[in-house]
Amino acid sequence: MSDQDRAKAFYVDKLECEVVADAPMGANGWRWVELRFPGAETALHFVRRQDEGPSKGPVLVFVADDVSSMVGELSSKGVKLVTEVAPAPYDPRRTVAEIEDSEGNRIVISSR
C-alpha cells in the first residue's frame, strides 16, 4: 500500500467498508488503518510495501452469490474491471472476475 488515504477512500467509498481504526504508527507518518465489511468479523489492514508497485497476484478474494451483479454495481462506482465474468479456470461450476483497487492491486470476485 503506497497511499493510505487513497486506499482508505477506495475501500470505504467503493466497497462500503467501515473504519475500525485509523491511528498513527511510528514516526514516519505511517498509520494503522483497519477496515471491515459491515456485518463481517474479518478485517483488512493496509500493509506497507517495499516498493510502490501493485502486487503481482490477487490480494483478496471476495465470494458473492451473484458475481455479475456485484461486478455491475462496482463498475457503476468507477471500479476498474480487469477480467470479465467467466467460468473459473480451477472449477467451471464457479464464475470469477477480477477488479483493481486504487493501488493497482487485483481482487478476485468468485461465486460460491
Protein backbone atom coordinates (compact mmCIF):
# COMPACT_ATOMS: atom_id res chain seq x y z
CA MET A 1 0.00 0.00 0.00
CA SER A 2 1.68 3.20 -1.05
CA ASP A 3 -1.10 5.76 -0.44
CA GLN A 4 -3.13 5.03 2.68
CA ASP A 5 -5.59 7.89 2.19
CA ARG A 6 -6.38 6.90 -1.40
CA ALA A 7 -6.70 3.22 -0.47
CA LYS A 8 -8.90 4.02 2.54
CA ALA A 9 -11.20 6.14 0.36
CA PHE A 10 -11.44 3.36 -2.25
CA TYR A 11 -12.37 0.65 0.26
CA VAL A 12 -14.81 2.89 2.17
CA ASP A 13 -16.44 4.64 -0.80
CA LYS A 14 -16.43 1.85 -3.39
CA LEU A 15 -16.55 -1.35 -1.32
CA GLU A 16 -18.54 0.10 1.63
CA CYS A 17 -16.06 -0.88 4.34
CA GLU A 18 -16.26 0.65 7.80
CA VAL A 19 -13.24 2.20 9.52
CA VAL A 20 -12.31 0.22 12.63
CA ALA A 21 -9.09 2.10 13.38
CA ASP A 22 -7.00 4.90 11.90
CA ALA A 23 -4.16 5.83 14.23
CA PRO A 24 -0.52 6.96 13.93
CA MET A 25 2.01 4.14 13.86
CA GLY A 26 5.64 5.16 14.08
CA ALA A 27 7.49 8.37 13.40
CA ASN A 28 7.41 8.24 9.60
CA GLY A 29 3.76 9.21 9.13
CA TRP A 30 2.51 5.67 8.56
CA ARG A 31 -0.84 4.87 10.18
CA TRP A 32 -2.58 1.73 11.41
CA VAL A 33 -5.65 1.67 9.15
CA GLU A 34 -8.05 -1.19 9.77
CA LEU A 35 -11.32 -1.66 7.89
CA ARG A 36 -14.11 -4.21 7.90
CA PHE A 37 -17.14 -5.06 5.87
CA PRO A 38 -20.49 -4.35 7.57
CA GLY A 39 -21.64 -7.41 9.50
CA ALA A 40 -18.35 -9.26 8.98
CA GLU A 41 -15.82 -10.36 11.54
CA THR A 42 -12.97 -10.21 9.03
CA ALA A 43 -10.92 -7.00 8.98
CA LEU A 44 -8.50 -5.56 6.43
CA HIS A 45 -5.22 -3.90 7.33
CA PHE A 46 -3.08 -1.92 4.90
CA VAL A 47 0.45 -3.30 4.82
CA ARG A 48 3.33 -1.10 3.70
CA ARG A 49 5.03 -2.49 0.63
CA GLN A 50 8.76 -2.42 -0.12
CA ASP A 51 8.06 -0.68 -3.42
CA GLU A 52 5.16 1.30 -4.80
CA GLY A 53 4.17 -1.25 -7.44
CA PRO A 54 0.98 -3.28 -7.12
CA SER A 55 1.03 -6.90 -6.09
CA LYS A 56 1.77 -9.35 -8.90
CA GLY A 57 -1.11 -11.63 -7.83
CA PRO A 58 -4.55 -11.05 -6.37
CA VAL A 59 -4.50 -9.66 -2.83
CA LEU A 60 -8.09 -10.54 -1.84
CA VAL A 61 -10.86 -12.88 -2.87
CA PHE A 62 -14.49 -11.86 -2.34
CA VAL A 63 -17.19 -14.51 -2.52
CA ALA A 64 -20.54 -13.39 -3.92
CA ASP A 65 -23.87 -15.06 -4.60
CA ASP A 66 -24.12 -13.18 -7.91
CA VAL A 67 -20.74 -12.22 -9.40
CA SER A 68 -22.28 -10.40 -12.39
CA SER A 69 -24.43 -8.19 -10.16
CA MET A 70 -21.54 -7.38 -7.86
CA VAL A 71 -19.28 -6.53 -10.80
CA GLY A 72 -22.01 -4.34 -12.29
CA GLU A 73 -22.50 -2.49 -9.01
CA LEU A 74 -18.77 -1.92 -8.55
CA SER A 75 -18.34 -0.83 -12.18
CA SER A 76 -21.10 1.76 -11.69
CA LYS A 77 -18.99 3.18 -8.84
CA GLY A 78 -15.98 3.54 -11.13
CA VAL A 79 -14.12 0.40 -10.04
CA LYS A 80 -11.85 -0.87 -12.82
CA LEU A 81 -12.73 -4.31 -14.18
CA VAL A 82 -9.59 -6.34 -15.01
CA THR A 83 -11.25 -9.53 -16.28
CA GLU A 84 -14.83 -10.13 -17.34
CA VAL A 85 -17.10 -12.59 -15.54
CA ALA A 86 -16.20 -16.08 -16.80
CA PRO A 87 -16.00 -19.68 -15.61
CA ALA A 88 -13.22 -20.18 -13.06
CA PRO A 89 -10.23 -21.99 -14.61
CA TYR A 90 -9.95 -24.18 -11.50
CA ASP A 91 -13.69 -25.03 -11.31
CA PRO A 92 -16.00 -24.37 -14.30
CA ARG A 93 -19.05 -24.56 -12.00
CA ARG A 94 -17.93 -21.26 -10.44
CA THR A 95 -17.73 -17.85 -12.05
CA VAL A 96 -15.00 -15.31 -11.36
CA ALA A 97 -13.99 -11.79 -12.34
CA GLU A 98 -11.16 -9.52 -11.26
CA ILE A 99 -11.26 -5.86 -10.29
CA GLU A 100 -8.48 -3.45 -9.39
CA ASP A 101 -8.24 -1.36 -6.23
CA SER A 102 -6.96 2.22 -6.03
CA GLU A 103 -3.36 0.99 -5.74
CA GLY A 104 -3.49 -1.30 -8.79
CA ASN A 105 -3.85 -4.50 -6.74
CA ARG A 106 -6.10 -7.20 -8.17
CA ILE A 107 -9.12 -8.54 -6.28
CA VAL A 108 -10.91 -11.72 -7.37
CA ILE A 109 -14.70 -11.94 -7.09
CA SER A 110 -15.78 -15.59 -7.05
CA SER A 111 -19.12 -17.35 -6.85
CA ARG A 112 -19.70 -19.83 -4.05
